[in-house]
């Protein structure tokens, strides 16, 4: 079992069919779920699953809703991003995460690998997304 950071292949195909709407406030609802080191997440992941999802105080199965930042462009790159996600007063250990579209059958978007277990103990567990620009945004099409 392993977590490999990747844009999910099914998501790439779904972009071509207009499945996902990242527009802030009127688009689809995207969530991020946390997973243990026993999970298998990769480009082959097609949908959210509760198998090997993290658990603990302050964490609810299915993760948390993300705040979309409306997609934009810079030069020849289009990009979308999210506000940071956090769980407060949480006791959680997670190795990675899955961003998925809960509006559309929980379809997978991105598998995230934290590079090792990350833990919070009665504190804030936070995923900090990169700067929303053409070089760094979490979702970029160049």
N, C-alpha and C. Protein backbone atom coordinates (compact mmCIF):
# COMPACT_ATOMS: atom_id res chain seq x y z
N UNK A 1 0.85 -1.17 0.00
CA UNK A 1 0.00 0.00 0.00
C UNK A 1 0.89 1.23 0.00
N UNK A 2 0.44 2.21 -0.74
CA UNK A 2 1.25 3.42 -0.82
C UNK A 2 0.38 4.59 -1.27
N UNK A 3 0.84 5.75 -0.94
CA UNK A 3 0.20 6.98 -1.40
C UNK A 3 1.19 7.67 -2.33
N UNK A 4 0.76 7.95 -3.53
CA UNK A 4 1.58 8.63 -4.52
C UNK A 4 0.88 9.91 -4.93
N UNK A 5 1.56 11.03 -4.79
CA UNK A 5 0.96 12.31 -5.15
C UNK A 5 0.75 12.37 -6.65
N UNK A 6 -0.49 12.66 -7.06
CA UNK A 6 -0.79 12.71 -8.49
C UNK A 6 -2.14 13.33 -8.75
N UNK A 7 -2.28 13.93 -9.94
CA UNK A 7 -3.59 14.31 -10.44
C UNK A 7 -4.21 13.01 -10.96
N UNK A 8 -5.41 12.70 -10.53
CA UNK A 8 -6.05 11.44 -10.89
C UNK A 8 -6.35 11.41 -12.39
N UNK A 9 -6.04 10.29 -13.02
CA UNK A 9 -6.22 10.14 -14.47
C UNK A 9 -7.69 10.31 -14.85
N UNK A 10 -8.59 9.76 -14.06
CA UNK A 10 -10.02 9.90 -14.35
C UNK A 10 -10.43 11.38 -14.34
N UNK A 11 -9.84 12.17 -13.45
CA UNK A 11 -10.12 13.61 -13.39
C UNK A 11 -9.70 14.28 -14.68
N UNK A 12 -8.56 13.92 -15.22
CA UNK A 12 -8.09 14.51 -16.48
C UNK A 12 -9.11 14.27 -17.59
N UNK A 13 -9.63 13.05 -17.66
CA UNK A 13 -10.64 12.73 -18.67
C UNK A 13 -11.92 13.52 -18.40
N UNK A 14 -12.32 13.61 -17.15
CA UNK A 14 -13.55 14.31 -16.77
C UNK A 14 -13.46 15.81 -17.05
N UNK A 15 -12.27 16.37 -17.06
CA UNK A 15 -12.12 17.77 -17.45
C UNK A 15 -12.58 17.97 -18.89
N UNK A 16 -12.30 16.97 -19.72
CA UNK A 16 -12.66 17.05 -21.14
C UNK A 16 -14.17 16.93 -21.38
N UNK A 17 -14.90 16.41 -20.39
CA UNK A 17 -16.34 16.25 -20.53
C UNK A 17 -17.12 17.28 -19.70
N UNK A 18 -16.42 18.20 -19.07
CA UNK A 18 -17.08 19.26 -18.30
C UNK A 18 -17.72 18.77 -17.01
N UNK A 19 -17.19 17.71 -16.43
CA UNK A 19 -17.76 17.12 -15.23
C UNK A 19 -17.61 18.02 -14.00
N UNK A 20 -16.48 18.69 -13.86
CA UNK A 20 -16.17 19.44 -12.64
C UNK A 20 -16.32 20.94 -12.85
N UNK A 21 -16.95 21.61 -11.89
CA UNK A 21 -17.11 23.07 -11.92
C UNK A 21 -16.47 23.64 -10.67
N UNK A 22 -15.34 24.31 -10.84
CA UNK A 22 -14.58 24.86 -9.72
C UNK A 22 -14.96 26.30 -9.36
N UNK A 23 -15.99 26.85 -9.99
CA UNK A 23 -16.38 28.23 -9.74
C UNK A 23 -16.72 28.44 -8.26
N UNK A 24 -16.11 29.45 -7.66
CA UNK A 24 -16.39 29.76 -6.25
C UNK A 24 -17.86 30.10 -6.08
N UNK A 25 -18.45 29.67 -5.02
CA UNK A 25 -19.82 29.91 -4.55
C UNK A 25 -20.92 29.26 -5.40
N UNK A 26 -20.74 29.07 -6.70
CA UNK A 26 -21.81 28.47 -7.51
C UNK A 26 -21.41 27.13 -8.13
N UNK A 27 -20.17 26.72 -7.93
CA UNK A 27 -19.68 25.48 -8.53
C UNK A 27 -19.95 24.27 -7.66
N UNK A 28 -19.30 23.18 -8.00
CA UNK A 28 -19.43 21.93 -7.25
C UNK A 28 -18.79 22.06 -5.87
N UNK A 29 -19.16 21.14 -4.98
CA UNK A 29 -18.53 21.07 -3.66
C UNK A 29 -17.39 20.07 -3.71
N UNK A 30 -16.21 20.53 -3.36
CA UNK A 30 -15.04 19.68 -3.30
C UNK A 30 -14.67 19.49 -1.83
N UNK A 31 -14.24 18.29 -1.50
CA UNK A 31 -13.85 17.97 -0.13
C UNK A 31 -12.44 17.39 -0.13
N UNK A 32 -11.84 17.39 1.05
CA UNK A 32 -10.55 16.73 1.24
C UNK A 32 -10.69 15.78 2.42
N UNK A 33 -10.33 14.52 2.17
CA UNK A 33 -10.37 13.48 3.19
C UNK A 33 -8.94 13.05 3.51
N UNK A 34 -8.69 12.73 4.77
CA UNK A 34 -7.37 12.32 5.23
C UNK A 34 -7.27 10.80 5.28
N UNK A 35 -6.06 10.28 5.01
CA UNK A 35 -5.84 8.83 4.97
C UNK A 35 -4.60 8.42 5.75
N UNK A 36 -4.64 7.20 6.26
CA UNK A 36 -3.50 6.63 6.98
C UNK A 36 -2.47 6.07 6.00
N UNK A 37 -1.35 5.65 6.54
CA UNK A 37 -0.28 5.08 5.71
C UNK A 37 -0.69 3.73 5.11
N UNK A 38 -1.79 3.15 5.55
CA UNK A 38 -2.29 1.89 4.98
C UNK A 38 -3.09 2.09 3.70
N UNK A 39 -3.38 3.34 3.36
CA UNK A 39 -4.19 3.64 2.18
C UNK A 39 -3.39 3.49 0.89
N UNK A 40 -4.12 3.25 -0.18
CA UNK A 40 -3.55 3.26 -1.52
C UNK A 40 -4.24 4.37 -2.29
N UNK A 41 -3.49 5.44 -2.58
CA UNK A 41 -3.98 6.57 -3.36
C UNK A 41 -2.95 6.85 -4.44
N UNK A 42 -3.42 7.11 -5.66
CA UNK A 42 -2.50 7.39 -6.76
C UNK A 42 -3.28 7.97 -7.94
N UNK A 43 -2.62 8.09 -9.08
CA UNK A 43 -3.27 8.56 -10.30
C UNK A 43 -4.42 7.63 -10.69
N UNK A 44 -4.37 6.38 -10.26
CA UNK A 44 -5.41 5.40 -10.60
C UNK A 44 -6.67 5.52 -9.72
N UNK A 45 -6.62 6.33 -8.66
CA UNK A 45 -7.78 6.50 -7.79
C UNK A 45 -8.88 7.21 -8.57
N UNK A 46 -10.11 6.66 -8.50
CA UNK A 46 -11.21 7.24 -9.26
C UNK A 46 -12.30 7.89 -8.40
N UNK A 47 -12.35 7.55 -7.11
CA UNK A 47 -13.40 8.10 -6.25
C UNK A 47 -13.01 7.99 -4.78
N UNK A 48 -13.66 8.82 -3.97
CA UNK A 48 -13.49 8.76 -2.52
C UNK A 48 -13.91 7.39 -2.01
N UNK A 49 -13.18 6.88 -1.05
CA UNK A 49 -13.51 5.65 -0.35
C UNK A 49 -13.15 5.84 1.12
N UNK A 50 -13.92 5.23 2.01
CA UNK A 50 -13.63 5.32 3.44
C UNK A 50 -12.56 4.32 3.87
N UNK A 51 -12.11 3.45 2.97
CA UNK A 51 -11.11 2.44 3.31
C UNK A 51 -9.79 3.11 3.70
N UNK A 52 -9.31 2.82 4.88
CA UNK A 52 -8.07 3.37 5.44
C UNK A 52 -8.09 4.89 5.59
N UNK A 53 -9.29 5.44 5.73
CA UNK A 53 -9.40 6.87 6.01
C UNK A 53 -8.97 7.11 7.46
N UNK A 54 -8.36 8.23 7.72
CA UNK A 54 -7.94 8.58 9.08
C UNK A 54 -9.17 8.72 9.97
N UNK A 55 -8.95 8.61 11.26
CA UNK A 55 -10.03 8.82 12.23
C UNK A 55 -9.40 9.45 13.47
N UNK A 56 -10.24 10.04 14.26
CA UNK A 56 -9.75 10.64 15.49
C UNK A 56 -10.63 11.77 15.94
N UNK A 57 -10.33 12.29 17.12
CA UNK A 57 -11.08 13.41 17.67
C UNK A 57 -10.99 14.60 16.73
N UNK A 58 -12.14 15.20 16.43
CA UNK A 58 -12.15 16.39 15.60
C UNK A 58 -12.19 16.12 14.10
N UNK A 59 -12.20 14.83 13.72
CA UNK A 59 -12.25 14.47 12.31
C UNK A 59 -13.50 13.66 12.03
N UNK A 60 -14.21 14.02 10.95
CA UNK A 60 -15.41 13.30 10.53
C UNK A 60 -15.13 12.60 9.22
N UNK A 61 -15.57 11.35 9.11
CA UNK A 61 -15.39 10.59 7.87
C UNK A 61 -15.90 11.40 6.69
N UNK A 62 -15.17 11.35 5.60
CA UNK A 62 -15.51 12.14 4.41
C UNK A 62 -14.73 13.44 4.34
N UNK A 63 -14.08 13.80 5.45
CA UNK A 63 -13.24 14.99 5.44
C UNK A 63 -14.03 16.28 5.61
N UNK A 64 -13.50 17.33 5.03
CA UNK A 64 -14.11 18.65 5.16
C UNK A 64 -14.27 19.30 3.79
N UNK A 65 -15.27 20.16 3.68
CA UNK A 65 -15.49 20.89 2.43
C UNK A 65 -14.39 21.93 2.24
N UNK A 66 -13.99 22.09 0.99
CA UNK A 66 -12.98 23.08 0.64
C UNK A 66 -13.65 24.34 0.11
N UNK A 67 -12.98 25.47 0.28
CA UNK A 67 -13.44 26.72 -0.30
C UNK A 67 -12.73 26.92 -1.62
N UNK A 68 -13.50 26.87 -2.71
CA UNK A 68 -12.92 27.02 -4.05
C UNK A 68 -12.48 28.46 -4.29
N UNK A 69 -11.42 28.60 -5.05
CA UNK A 69 -10.99 29.89 -5.57
C UNK A 69 -11.22 29.80 -7.07
N UNK A 70 -12.10 30.65 -7.61
CA UNK A 70 -12.49 30.56 -9.01
C UNK A 70 -11.28 30.45 -9.92
N UNK A 71 -11.29 29.50 -10.85
CA UNK A 71 -10.16 29.33 -11.77
C UNK A 71 -9.87 30.60 -12.57
N UNK A 72 -8.61 30.75 -12.89
CA UNK A 72 -8.17 31.90 -13.68
C UNK A 72 -7.01 31.47 -14.55
N UNK A 73 -6.43 32.40 -15.27
CA UNK A 73 -5.28 32.10 -16.12
C UNK A 73 -4.17 33.11 -15.89
N UNK A 74 -2.97 32.67 -16.25
CA UNK A 74 -1.81 33.55 -16.26
C UNK A 74 -0.93 33.03 -17.39
N UNK A 75 -0.68 33.87 -18.36
CA UNK A 75 0.06 33.41 -19.54
C UNK A 75 -0.75 32.32 -20.22
N UNK A 76 -0.13 31.16 -20.43
CA UNK A 76 -0.82 30.05 -21.08
C UNK A 76 -1.29 28.98 -20.09
N UNK A 77 -1.26 29.28 -18.81
CA UNK A 77 -1.63 28.31 -17.77
C UNK A 77 -2.95 28.69 -17.11
N UNK A 78 -3.86 27.72 -17.03
CA UNK A 78 -5.09 27.88 -16.26
C UNK A 78 -4.87 27.20 -14.92
N UNK A 79 -5.44 27.75 -13.86
CA UNK A 79 -5.25 27.12 -12.55
C UNK A 79 -6.44 27.34 -11.63
N UNK A 80 -6.58 26.40 -10.70
CA UNK A 80 -7.61 26.46 -9.67
C UNK A 80 -6.93 26.14 -8.35
N UNK A 81 -7.52 26.61 -7.28
CA UNK A 81 -6.92 26.40 -5.98
C UNK A 81 -8.02 26.41 -4.92
N UNK A 82 -7.62 26.15 -3.69
CA UNK A 82 -8.54 26.12 -2.55
C UNK A 82 -7.91 26.89 -1.41
N UNK A 83 -8.76 27.36 -0.49
CA UNK A 83 -8.25 27.91 0.76
C UNK A 83 -7.74 26.74 1.59
N UNK A 84 -6.82 27.01 2.52
CA UNK A 84 -6.29 25.97 3.38
C UNK A 84 -7.43 25.25 4.11
N UNK A 85 -7.22 23.97 4.38
CA UNK A 85 -8.22 23.17 5.11
C UNK A 85 -7.67 22.87 6.50
N UNK A 86 -8.53 22.94 7.51
CA UNK A 86 -8.05 22.64 8.85
C UNK A 86 -9.13 22.00 9.71
N UNK A 87 -8.64 21.23 10.66
CA UNK A 87 -9.47 20.58 11.67
C UNK A 87 -8.93 21.07 13.01
N UNK A 88 -9.77 21.72 13.82
CA UNK A 88 -9.31 22.28 15.10
C UNK A 88 -9.58 21.31 16.25
N UNK A 89 -8.84 21.48 17.31
CA UNK A 89 -8.95 20.60 18.50
C UNK A 89 -8.95 19.14 18.08
N UNK A 90 -8.06 18.81 17.16
CA UNK A 90 -8.05 17.48 16.55
C UNK A 90 -6.88 16.63 17.00
N UNK A 91 -7.15 15.34 17.14
CA UNK A 91 -6.10 14.36 17.37
C UNK A 91 -6.19 13.38 16.20
N UNK A 92 -5.30 13.58 15.24
CA UNK A 92 -5.34 12.85 13.97
C UNK A 92 -3.92 12.51 13.55
N UNK A 93 -3.74 11.35 12.94
CA UNK A 93 -2.51 11.01 12.23
C UNK A 93 -2.90 10.65 10.81
N UNK A 94 -2.26 11.31 9.84
CA UNK A 94 -2.56 11.07 8.43
C UNK A 94 -1.28 11.08 7.62
N UNK A 95 -1.24 10.24 6.60
CA UNK A 95 -0.09 10.15 5.68
C UNK A 95 -0.36 10.89 4.37
N UNK A 96 -1.67 11.06 4.04
CA UNK A 96 -2.02 11.70 2.78
C UNK A 96 -3.48 12.10 2.76
N UNK A 97 -3.92 12.56 1.59
CA UNK A 97 -5.29 13.05 1.47
C UNK A 97 -5.78 12.86 0.05
N UNK A 98 -7.09 12.94 -0.11
CA UNK A 98 -7.72 12.89 -1.41
C UNK A 98 -8.66 14.06 -1.54
N UNK A 99 -8.49 14.84 -2.59
CA UNK A 99 -9.45 15.89 -2.94
C UNK A 99 -10.43 15.25 -3.90
N UNK A 100 -11.72 15.43 -3.62
CA UNK A 100 -12.74 14.81 -4.47
C UNK A 100 -13.96 15.71 -4.61
N UNK A 101 -14.75 15.44 -5.64
CA UNK A 101 -15.94 16.22 -5.96
C UNK A 101 -17.15 15.54 -5.33
N UNK A 102 -17.61 16.05 -4.19
CA UNK A 102 -18.74 15.41 -3.51
C UNK A 102 -20.07 15.70 -4.20
N UNK A 103 -20.11 16.69 -5.07
CA UNK A 103 -21.33 16.98 -5.82
C UNK A 103 -21.55 15.95 -6.91
N UNK A 104 -20.48 15.41 -7.45
CA UNK A 104 -20.59 14.50 -8.59
C UNK A 104 -20.02 13.12 -8.26
N UNK A 105 -20.78 12.34 -7.52
CA UNK A 105 -20.46 10.93 -7.23
C UNK A 105 -19.11 10.72 -6.54
N UNK A 106 -18.63 11.73 -5.80
CA UNK A 106 -17.37 11.62 -5.05
C UNK A 106 -16.17 11.31 -5.95
N UNK A 107 -16.19 11.85 -7.17
CA UNK A 107 -15.11 11.59 -8.13
C UNK A 107 -13.79 12.21 -7.66
N UNK A 108 -12.73 11.43 -7.79
CA UNK A 108 -11.40 11.84 -7.33
C UNK A 108 -10.80 12.93 -8.21
N UNK A 109 -10.07 13.84 -7.59
CA UNK A 109 -9.38 14.92 -8.29
C UNK A 109 -7.87 14.77 -8.11
N UNK A 110 -7.40 14.81 -6.87
CA UNK A 110 -5.97 14.76 -6.58
C UNK A 110 -5.68 13.87 -5.38
N UNK A 111 -4.64 13.07 -5.50
CA UNK A 111 -4.11 12.32 -4.36
C UNK A 111 -2.92 13.09 -3.84
N UNK A 112 -2.88 13.33 -2.53
CA UNK A 112 -1.80 14.09 -1.91
C UNK A 112 -0.99 13.19 -0.98
N UNK A 113 0.31 13.23 -1.12
CA UNK A 113 1.22 12.47 -0.26
C UNK A 113 1.93 13.46 0.65
N UNK A 114 1.80 13.29 1.96
CA UNK A 114 2.44 14.20 2.91
C UNK A 114 3.91 13.87 3.14
N UNK A 115 4.41 12.79 2.54
CA UNK A 115 5.82 12.42 2.67
C UNK A 115 6.14 11.70 3.97
N UNK A 116 5.16 11.44 4.78
CA UNK A 116 5.32 10.77 6.06
C UNK A 116 4.09 11.07 6.89
N UNK A 117 3.94 10.37 8.01
CA UNK A 117 2.81 10.62 8.88
C UNK A 117 2.90 12.02 9.47
N UNK A 118 1.76 12.71 9.48
CA UNK A 118 1.63 14.01 10.12
C UNK A 118 0.60 13.85 11.23
N UNK A 119 0.87 14.42 12.39
CA UNK A 119 0.03 14.21 13.55
C UNK A 119 -0.31 15.53 14.24
N UNK A 120 -1.53 15.62 14.71
CA UNK A 120 -1.92 16.70 15.62
C UNK A 120 -2.47 16.04 16.88
N UNK A 121 -2.18 16.62 18.02
CA UNK A 121 -2.68 16.10 19.29
C UNK A 121 -3.40 17.24 20.00
N UNK A 122 -4.73 17.16 19.97
CA UNK A 122 -5.58 18.20 20.55
C UNK A 122 -5.14 19.58 20.06
N UNK A 123 -4.88 19.66 18.77
CA UNK A 123 -4.47 20.92 18.15
C UNK A 123 -5.06 21.01 16.76
N UNK A 124 -4.52 21.90 15.96
CA UNK A 124 -5.03 22.10 14.60
C UNK A 124 -4.23 21.28 13.61
N UNK A 125 -4.93 20.48 12.83
CA UNK A 125 -4.34 19.74 11.72
C UNK A 125 -4.70 20.54 10.49
N UNK A 126 -3.70 21.03 9.76
CA UNK A 126 -3.97 21.92 8.63
C UNK A 126 -3.25 21.45 7.37
N UNK A 127 -3.96 21.54 6.27
CA UNK A 127 -3.35 21.34 4.95
C UNK A 127 -3.20 22.73 4.35
N UNK A 128 -1.97 23.12 4.10
CA UNK A 128 -1.70 24.42 3.50
C UNK A 128 -1.48 24.24 2.01
N UNK A 129 -2.39 24.80 1.22
CA UNK A 129 -2.26 24.70 -0.22
C UNK A 129 -1.28 25.75 -0.73
N UNK A 130 -0.59 25.46 -1.83
CA UNK A 130 0.39 26.41 -2.36
C UNK A 130 -0.26 27.68 -2.89
N UNK A 131 0.56 28.66 -3.18
CA UNK A 131 0.11 29.93 -3.72
C UNK A 131 -0.70 29.71 -4.99
N UNK A 132 -1.80 30.44 -5.11
CA UNK A 132 -2.68 30.31 -6.28
C UNK A 132 -2.11 31.12 -7.44
N UNK A 133 -1.15 30.52 -8.14
CA UNK A 133 -0.62 31.17 -9.34
C UNK A 133 -0.23 30.10 -10.36
N UNK A 134 0.18 30.53 -11.53
CA UNK A 134 0.45 29.62 -12.65
C UNK A 134 1.60 28.65 -12.38
N UNK A 135 2.47 28.97 -11.45
CA UNK A 135 3.61 28.10 -11.17
C UNK A 135 3.39 27.16 -9.98
N UNK A 136 2.45 27.52 -9.09
CA UNK A 136 2.34 26.80 -7.82
C UNK A 136 0.99 26.23 -7.47
N UNK A 137 -0.09 26.70 -8.04
CA UNK A 137 -1.44 26.29 -7.65
C UNK A 137 -1.57 24.76 -7.64
N UNK A 138 -2.43 24.26 -6.79
CA UNK A 138 -2.59 22.82 -6.62
C UNK A 138 -3.12 22.14 -7.90
N UNK A 139 -3.91 22.86 -8.70
CA UNK A 139 -4.39 22.33 -9.97
C UNK A 139 -3.98 23.31 -11.07
N UNK A 140 -3.15 22.80 -11.98
CA UNK A 140 -2.66 23.64 -13.08
C UNK A 140 -2.76 22.88 -14.40
N UNK A 141 -3.22 23.58 -15.43
CA UNK A 141 -3.24 23.02 -16.78
C UNK A 141 -2.41 23.97 -17.64
N UNK A 142 -1.26 23.46 -18.07
CA UNK A 142 -0.34 24.31 -18.84
C UNK A 142 -0.29 23.89 -20.29
